[in-house]
Amino acid sequence: MQTSDPHYREAAAAEAAMAETYGHWQPKPGDRVRCPRAFGGGYQEGVIACPDLRGWLVDTPEGRLSMFTDELERL
């Protein structure tokens, strides 16, 4: 792909912005995270238990929940 291609430049800028916003953190079991509550809205803290089919299982006060990576915030 050529760097003079406007689509290439747009994709490169988007990738750089995402890396700056989300970083390169990869969750792993035992990490403390903040995640959405299952009921009532808001957020709660939890601990990553293990990988799931499409994300991660997180132990929270509401029980073990399945979360996508983009729903997790490292504490």
PDB file of N, CA and C in Angstrom:
ATOM      1  N   MET A   1       0.836  -1.169   0.000  1.00  0.00           N
ATOM      2  CA  MET A   1       0.000   0.000   0.000  1.00  0.00           C
ATOM      3  C   MET A   1       0.888   1.242   0.000  1.00  0.00           C
ATOM      4  N   GLN A   2       0.503   2.230  -0.745  1.00  0.00           N
ATOM      5  CA  GLN A   2       1.319   3.435  -0.836  1.00  0.00           C
ATOM      6  C   GLN A   2       0.951   4.417   0.270  1.00  0.00           C
ATOM      7  N   THR A   3       1.954   5.119   0.785  1.00  0.00           N
ATOM      8  CA  THR A   3       1.694   6.096   1.836  1.00  0.00           C
ATOM      9  C   THR A   3       1.024   7.353   1.289  1.00  0.00           C
ATOM     10  N   SER A   4       1.004   7.539  -0.028  1.00  0.00           N
ATOM     11  CA  SER A   4       0.327   8.703  -0.598  1.00  0.00           C
ATOM     12  C   SER A   4      -1.173   8.456  -0.763  1.00  0.00           C
ATOM     13  N   ASP A   5      -1.607   7.232  -0.562  1.00  0.00           N
ATOM     14  CA  ASP A   5      -3.025   6.892  -0.665  1.00  0.00           C
ATOM     15  C   ASP A   5      -3.768   7.496   0.537  1.00  0.00           C
ATOM     16  N   PRO A   6      -4.803   8.340   0.299  1.00  0.00           N
ATOM     17  CA  PRO A   6      -5.513   8.970   1.417  1.00  0.00           C
ATOM     18  C   PRO A   6      -6.173   7.956   2.351  1.00  0.00           C
ATOM     19  N   HIS A   7      -6.596   6.824   1.837  1.00  0.00           N
ATOM     20  CA  HIS A   7      -7.203   5.803   2.693  1.00  0.00           C
ATOM     21  C   HIS A   7      -6.168   5.194   3.635  1.00  0.00           C
ATOM     22  N   TYR A   8      -4.969   5.009   3.147  1.00  0.00           N
ATOM     23  CA  TYR A   8      -3.890   4.494   3.985  1.00  0.00           C
ATOM     24  C   TYR A   8      -3.594   5.478   5.112  1.00  0.00           C
ATOM     25  N   ARG A   9      -3.498   6.764   4.779  1.00  0.00           N
ATOM     26  CA  ARG A   9      -3.206   7.780   5.797  1.00  0.00           C
ATOM     27  C   ARG A   9      -4.331   7.848   6.839  1.00  0.00           C
ATOM     28  N   GLU A  10      -5.566   7.726   6.390  1.00  0.00           N
ATOM     29  CA  GLU A  10      -6.694   7.763   7.318  1.00  0.00           C
ATOM     30  C   GLU A  10      -6.668   6.554   8.255  1.00  0.00           C
ATOM     31  N   ALA A  11      -6.385   5.380   7.705  1.00  0.00           N
ATOM     32  CA  ALA A  11      -6.312   4.169   8.525  1.00  0.00           C
ATOM     33  C   ALA A  11      -5.156   4.250   9.522  1.00  0.00           C
ATOM     34  N   ALA A  12      -4.021   4.777   9.094  1.00  0.00           N
ATOM     35  CA  ALA A  12      -2.868   4.908   9.985  1.00  0.00           C
ATOM     36  C   ALA A  12      -3.173   5.882  11.119  1.00  0.00           C
ATOM     37  N   ALA A  13      -3.862   6.984  10.809  1.00  0.00           N
ATOM     38  CA  ALA A  13      -4.228   7.956  11.843  1.00  0.00           C
ATOM     39  C   ALA A  13      -5.211   7.348  12.842  1.00  0.00           C
ATOM     40  N   ALA A  14      -6.173   6.578  12.334  1.00  0.00           N
ATOM     41  CA  ALA A  14      -7.137   5.933  13.225  1.00  0.00           C
ATOM     42  C   ALA A  14      -6.453   4.924  14.135  1.00  0.00           C
ATOM     43  N   GLU A  15      -5.521   4.159  13.598  1.00  0.00           N
ATOM     44  CA  GLU A  15      -4.792   3.176  14.399  1.00  0.00           C
ATOM     45  C   GLU A  15      -3.975   3.860  15.484  1.00  0.00           C
ATOM     46  N   ALA A  16      -3.327   4.961  15.151  1.00  0.00           N
ATOM     47  CA  ALA A  16      -2.528   5.693  16.134  1.00  0.00           C
ATOM     48  C   ALA A  16      -3.411   6.269  17.238  1.00  0.00           C
ATOM     49  N   ALA A  17      -4.573   6.796  16.862  1.00  0.00           N
ATOM     50  CA  ALA A  17      -5.490   7.362  17.858  1.00  0.00           C
ATOM     51  C   ALA A  17      -6.030   6.274  18.782  1.00  0.00           C
ATOM     52  N   MET A  18      -6.340   5.109  18.220  1.00  0.00           N
ATOM     53  CA  MET A  18      -6.843   4.020  19.060  1.00  0.00           C
ATOM     54  C   MET A  18      -5.768   3.534  20.022  1.00  0.00           C
ATOM     55  N   ALA A  19      -4.543   3.448  19.567  1.00  0.00           N
ATOM     56  CA  ALA A  19      -3.452   3.009  20.443  1.00  0.00           C
ATOM     57  C   ALA A  19      -3.251   4.012  21.572  1.00  0.00           C
ATOM     58  N   GLU A  20      -3.401   5.300  21.259  1.00  0.00           N
ATOM     59  CA  GLU A  20      -3.242   6.341  22.272  1.00  0.00           C
ATOM     60  C   GLU A  20      -4.392   6.282  23.277  1.00  0.00           C
ATOM     61  N   THR A  21      -5.599   6.049  22.783  1.00  0.00           N
ATOM     62  CA  THR A  21      -6.780   6.018  23.646  1.00  0.00           C
ATOM     63  C   THR A  21      -6.848   4.735  24.462  1.00  0.00           C
ATOM     64  N   TYR A  22      -6.691   3.590  23.820  1.00  0.00           N
ATOM     65  CA  TYR A  22      -6.879   2.313  24.490  1.00  0.00           C
ATOM     66  C   TYR A  22      -5.585   1.676  24.961  1.00  0.00           C
ATOM     67  N   GLY A  23      -4.464   2.143  24.459  1.00  0.00           N
ATOM     68  CA  GLY A  23      -3.190   1.559  24.842  1.00  0.00           C
ATOM     69  C   GLY A  23      -3.047   0.145  24.315  1.00  0.00           C
ATOM     70  N   HIS A  24      -2.046  -0.539  24.793  1.00  0.00           N
ATOM     71  CA  HIS A  24      -1.792  -1.899  24.327  1.00  0.00           C
ATOM     72  C   HIS A  24      -1.982  -2.909  25.450  1.00  0.00           C
ATOM     73  N   TRP A  25      -2.827  -2.564  26.406  1.00  0.00           N
ATOM     74  CA  TRP A  25      -3.073  -3.446  27.538  1.00  0.00           C
ATOM     75  C   TRP A  25      -3.887  -4.648  27.087  1.00  0.00           C
ATOM     76  N   GLN A  26      -3.428  -5.807  27.419  1.00  0.00           N
ATOM     77  CA  GLN A  26      -4.150  -7.045  27.170  1.00  0.00           C
ATOM     78  C   GLN A  26      -4.522  -7.633  28.529  1.00  0.00           C
ATOM     79  N   PRO A  27      -5.818  -7.783  28.799  1.00  0.00           N
ATOM     80  CA  PRO A  27      -6.223  -8.338  30.092  1.00  0.00           C
ATOM     81  C   PRO A  27      -5.657  -9.745  30.304  1.00  0.00           C
ATOM     82  N   LYS A  28      -5.463 -10.085  31.568  1.00  0.00           N
ATOM     83  CA  LYS A  28      -5.017 -11.437  31.920  1.00  0.00           C
ATOM     84  C   LYS A  28      -5.644 -11.805  33.257  1.00  0.00           C
ATOM     85  N   PRO A  29      -5.811 -13.081  33.537  1.00  0.00           N
ATOM     86  CA  PRO A  29      -6.413 -13.497  34.803  1.00  0.00           C
ATOM     87  C   PRO A  29      -5.694 -12.889  35.998  1.00  0.00           C
ATOM     88  N   GLY A  30      -6.494 -12.414  36.946  1.00  0.00           N
ATOM     89  CA  GLY A  30      -5.954 -11.789  38.148  1.00  0.00           C
ATOM     90  C   GLY A  30      -5.927 -10.273  38.088  1.00  0.00           C
ATOM     91  N   ASP A  31      -6.088  -9.672  36.914  1.00  0.00           N
ATOM     92  CA  ASP A  31      -6.094  -8.208  36.794  1.00  0.00           C
ATOM     93  C   ASP A  31      -7.349  -7.632  37.438  1.00  0.00           C
ATOM     94  N   ARG A  32      -7.173  -6.551  38.209  1.00  0.00           N
ATOM     95  CA  ARG A  32      -8.322  -5.822  38.751  1.00  0.00           C
ATOM     96  C   ARG A  32      -8.831  -4.875  37.675  1.00  0.00           C
ATOM     97  N   VAL A  33     -10.139  -4.857  37.468  1.00  0.00           N
ATOM     98  CA  VAL A  33     -10.736  -4.052  36.410  1.00  0.00           C
ATOM     99  C   VAL A  33     -12.001  -3.355  36.911  1.00  0.00           C
ATOM    100  N   ARG A  34     -12.394  -2.352  36.149  1.00  0.00           N
ATOM    101  CA  ARG A  34     -13.683  -1.688  36.328  1.00  0.00           C
ATOM    102  C   ARG A  34     -14.526  -2.085  35.126  1.00  0.00           C
ATOM    103  N   CYS A  35     -15.775  -2.482  35.377  1.00  0.00           N
ATOM    104  CA  CYS A  35     -16.643  -2.943  34.292  1.00  0.00           C
ATOM    105  C   CYS A  35     -18.072  -2.479  34.554  1.00  0.00           C
ATOM    106  N   PRO A  36     -18.917  -2.504  33.521  1.00  0.00           N
ATOM    107  CA  PRO A  36     -20.312  -2.104  33.706  1.00  0.00           C
ATOM    108  C   PRO A  36     -21.051  -3.070  34.641  1.00  0.00           C
ATOM    109  N   ARG A  37     -21.995  -2.516  35.390  1.00  0.00           N
ATOM    110  CA  ARG A  37     -22.857  -3.356  36.229  1.00  0.00           C
ATOM    111  C   ARG A  37     -23.821  -4.125  35.341  1.00  0.00           C
ATOM    112  N   ALA A  38     -24.230  -5.288  35.781  1.00  0.00           N
ATOM    113  CA  ALA A  38     -25.184  -6.102  35.014  1.00  0.00           C
ATOM    114  C   ALA A  38     -26.585  -5.509  35.105  1.00  0.00           C
ATOM    115  N   PHE A  39     -26.928  -4.921  36.231  1.00  0.00           N
ATOM    116  CA  PHE A  39     -28.261  -4.384  36.446  1.00  0.00           C
ATOM    117  C   PHE A  39     -28.176  -2.970  37.009  1.00  0.00           C
ATOM    118  N   GLY A  40     -28.998  -2.069  36.526  1.00  0.00           N
ATOM    119  CA  GLY A  40     -29.115  -0.740  37.118  1.00  0.00           C
ATOM    120  C   GLY A  40     -28.164   0.313  36.598  1.00  0.00           C
ATOM    121  N   GLY A  41     -27.281  -0.014  35.703  1.00  0.00           N
ATOM    122  CA  GLY A  41     -26.339   0.971  35.177  1.00  0.00           C
ATOM    123  C   GLY A  41     -25.214   1.260  36.154  1.00  0.00           C
ATOM    124  N   GLY A  42     -24.241   1.990  35.703  1.00  0.00           N
ATOM    125  CA  GLY A  42     -23.085   2.314  36.515  1.00  0.00           C
ATOM    126  C   GLY A  42     -21.967   1.298  36.317  1.00  0.00           C
ATOM    127  N   TYR A  43     -20.968   1.394  37.192  1.00  0.00           N
ATOM    128  CA  TYR A  43     -19.793   0.545  37.075  1.00  0.00           C
ATOM    129  C   TYR A  43     -19.501  -0.132  38.399  1.00  0.00           C
ATOM    130  N   GLN A  44     -18.713  -1.198  38.328  1.00  0.00           N
ATOM    131  CA  GLN A  44     -18.285  -1.933  39.502  1.00  0.00           C
ATOM    132  C   GLN A  44     -16.874  -2.454  39.279  1.00  0.00           C
ATOM    133  N   GLU A  45     -16.217  -2.800  40.372  1.00  0.00           N
ATOM    134  CA  GLU A  45     -14.881  -3.382  40.273  1.00  0.00           C
ATOM    135  C   GLU A  45     -14.989  -4.893  40.247  1.00  0.00           C
ATOM    136  N   GLY A  46     -13.997  -5.515  39.635  1.00  0.00           N
ATOM    137  CA  GLY A  46     -13.966  -6.965  39.572  1.00  0.00           C
ATOM    138  C   GLY A  46     -12.555  -7.452  39.304  1.00  0.00           C
ATOM    139  N   VAL A  47     -12.421  -8.761  39.229  1.00  0.00           N
ATOM    140  CA  VAL A  47     -11.134  -9.407  38.948  1.00  0.00           C
ATOM    141  C   VAL A  47     -11.349 -10.377  37.792  1.00  0.00           C
ATOM    142  N   ILE A  48     -10.479 -10.324  36.799  1.00  0.00           N
ATOM    143  CA  ILE A  48     -10.594 -11.215  35.654  1.00  0.00           C
ATOM    144  C   ILE A  48     -10.298 -12.638  36.102  1.00  0.00           C
ATOM    145  N   ALA A  49     -11.247 -13.538  35.804  1.00  0.00           N
ATOM    146  CA  ALA A  49     -11.093 -14.945  36.199  1.00  0.00           C
ATOM    147  C   ALA A  49     -10.401 -15.748  35.106  1.00  0.00           C
ATOM    148  N   CYS A  50     -10.901 -15.638  33.867  1.00  0.00           N
ATOM    149  CA  CYS A  50     -10.331 -16.428  32.776  1.00  0.00           C
ATOM    150  C   CYS A  50     -10.888 -15.931  31.438  1.00  0.00           C
ATOM    151  N   PRO A  51     -10.248 -16.325  30.328  1.00  0.00           N
ATOM    152  CA  PRO A  51     -10.790 -15.959  29.019  1.00  0.00           C
ATOM    153  C   PRO A  51     -12.121 -16.671  28.786  1.00  0.00           C
ATOM    154  N   ASP A  52     -12.967 -16.012  28.025  1.00  0.00           N
ATOM    155  CA  ASP A  52     -14.267 -16.559  27.649  1.00  0.00           C
ATOM    156  C   ASP A  52     -14.278 -16.717  26.139  1.00  0.00           C
ATOM    157  N   LEU A  53     -15.342 -17.248  25.602  1.00  0.00           N
ATOM    158  CA  LEU A  53     -15.446 -17.459  24.168  1.00  0.00           C
ATOM    159  C   LEU A  53     -15.220 -16.172  23.374  1.00  0.00           C
ATOM    160  N   ARG A  54     -15.836 -15.079  23.819  1.00  0.00           N
ATOM    161  CA  ARG A  54     -15.728 -13.803  23.093  1.00  0.00           C
ATOM    162  C   ARG A  54     -15.119 -12.695  23.919  1.00  0.00           C
ATOM    163  N   GLY A  55     -14.615 -12.976  25.078  1.00  0.00           N
ATOM    164  CA  GLY A  55     -14.061 -11.929  25.927  1.00  0.00           C
ATOM    165  C   GLY A  55     -13.447 -12.510  27.181  1.00  0.00           C
ATOM    166  N   TRP A  56     -13.959 -12.063  28.344  1.00  0.00           N
ATOM    167  CA  TRP A  56     -13.383 -12.457  29.623  1.00  0.00           C
ATOM    168  C   TRP A  56     -14.484 -12.708  30.629  1.00  0.00           C
ATOM    169  N   LEU A  57     -14.248 -13.656  31.530  1.00  0.00           N
ATOM    170  CA  LEU A  57     -15.127 -13.847  32.668  1.00  0.00           C
ATOM    171  C   LEU A  57     -14.548 -13.036  33.817  1.00  0.00           C
ATOM    172  N   VAL A  58     -15.401 -12.201  34.421  1.00  0.00           N
ATOM    173  CA  VAL A  58     -14.956 -11.287  35.471  1.00  0.00           C
ATOM    174  C   VAL A  58     -15.751 -11.580  36.737  1.00  0.00           C
ATOM    175  N   ASP A  59     -15.046 -11.813  37.843  1.00  0.00           N
ATOM    176  CA  ASP A  59     -15.689 -12.004  39.141  1.00  0.00           C
ATOM    177  C   ASP A  59     -16.007 -10.630  39.723  1.00  0.00           C
ATOM    178  N   THR A  60     -17.302 -10.374  39.969  1.00  0.00           N
ATOM    179  CA  THR A  60     -17.771  -9.096  40.491  1.00  0.00           C
ATOM    180  C   THR A  60     -18.678  -9.356  41.695  1.00  0.00           C
ATOM    181  N   PRO A  61     -19.062  -8.304  42.428  1.00  0.00           N
ATOM    182  CA  PRO A  61     -20.024  -8.494  43.517  1.00  0.00           C
ATOM    183  C   PRO A  61     -21.368  -9.050  43.026  1.00  0.00           C
ATOM    184  N   GLU A  62     -21.689  -8.866  41.749  1.00  0.00           N
ATOM    185  CA  GLU A  62     -22.932  -9.387  41.179  1.00  0.00           C
ATOM    186  C   GLU A  62     -22.780 -10.817  40.661  1.00  0.00           C
ATOM    187  N   GLY A  63     -21.608 -11.395  40.801  1.00  0.00           N
ATOM    188  CA  GLY A  63     -21.351 -12.743  40.309  1.00  0.00           C
ATOM    189  C   GLY A  63     -20.334 -12.727  39.182  1.00  0.00           C
ATOM    190  N   ARG A  64     -20.184 -13.842  38.515  1.00  0.00           N
ATOM    191  CA  ARG A  64     -19.225 -13.961  37.413  1.00  0.00           C
ATOM    192  C   ARG A  64     -19.913 -13.538  36.125  1.00  0.00           C
ATOM    193  N   LEU A  65     -19.392 -12.476  35.496  1.00  0.00           N
ATOM    194  CA  LEU A  65     -19.993 -11.910  34.298  1.00  0.00           C
ATOM    195  C   LEU A  65     -19.072 -12.071  33.104  1.00  0.00           C
ATOM    196  N   SER A  66     -19.661 -12.218  31.927  1.00  0.00           N
ATOM    197  CA  SER A  66     -18.902 -12.280  30.683  1.00  0.00           C
ATOM    198  C   SER A  66     -18.820 -10.876  30.103  1.00  0.00           C
ATOM    199  N   MET A  67     -17.602 -10.404  29.830  1.00  0.00           N
ATOM    200  CA  MET A  67     -17.385  -9.045  29.338  1.00  0.00           C
ATOM    201  C   MET A  67     -16.492  -9.057  28.112  1.00  0.00           C
ATOM    202  N   PHE A  68     -16.745  -8.111  27.210  1.00  0.00           N
ATOM    203  CA  PHE A  68     -15.839  -7.895  26.074  1.00  0.00           C
ATOM    204  C   PHE A  68     -14.642  -7.078  26.560  1.00  0.00           C
ATOM    205  N   THR A  69     -13.528  -7.178  25.877  1.00  0.00           N
ATOM    206  CA  THR A  69     -12.315  -6.453  26.269  1.00  0.00           C
ATOM    207  C   THR A  69     -12.540  -4.953  26.313  1.00  0.00           C
ATOM    208  N   ASP A  70     -13.309  -4.401  25.363  1.00  0.00           N
ATOM    209  CA  ASP A  70     -13.501  -2.944  25.333  1.00  0.00           C
ATOM    210  C   ASP A  70     -14.407  -2.450  26.446  1.00  0.00           C
ATOM    211  N   GLU A  71     -15.041  -3.346  27.213  1.00  0.00           N
ATOM    212  CA  GLU A  71     -15.858  -2.946  28.345  1.00  0.00           C
ATOM    213  C   GLU A  71     -15.032  -2.847  29.639  1.00  0.00           C
ATOM    214  N   LEU A  72     -13.793  -3.304  29.601  1.00  0.00           N
ATOM    215  CA  LEU A  72     -12.951  -3.367  30.796  1.00  0.00           C
ATOM    216  C   LEU A  72     -11.995  -2.189  30.865  1.00  0.00           C
ATOM    217  N   GLU A  73     -11.814  -1.701  32.074  1.00  0.00           N
ATOM    218  CA  GLU A  73     -10.828  -0.642  32.325  1.00  0.00           C
ATOM    219  C   GLU A  73      -9.906  -1.112  33.436  1.00  0.00           C
ATOM    220  N   ARG A  74      -8.616  -1.084  33.169  1.00  0.00           N
ATOM    221  CA  ARG A  74      -7.638  -1.571  34.147  1.00  0.00           C
ATOM    222  C   ARG A  74      -7.568  -0.620  35.336  1.00  0.00           C
ATOM    223  N   LEU A  75      -7.502  -1.168  36.539  1.00  0.00           N
ATOM    224  CA  LEU A  75      -7.361  -0.351  37.758  1.00  0.00           C
ATOM    225  C   LEU A  75      -5.942  -0.399  38.266  1.00  0.00           C
TER     226      LEU A  75
END
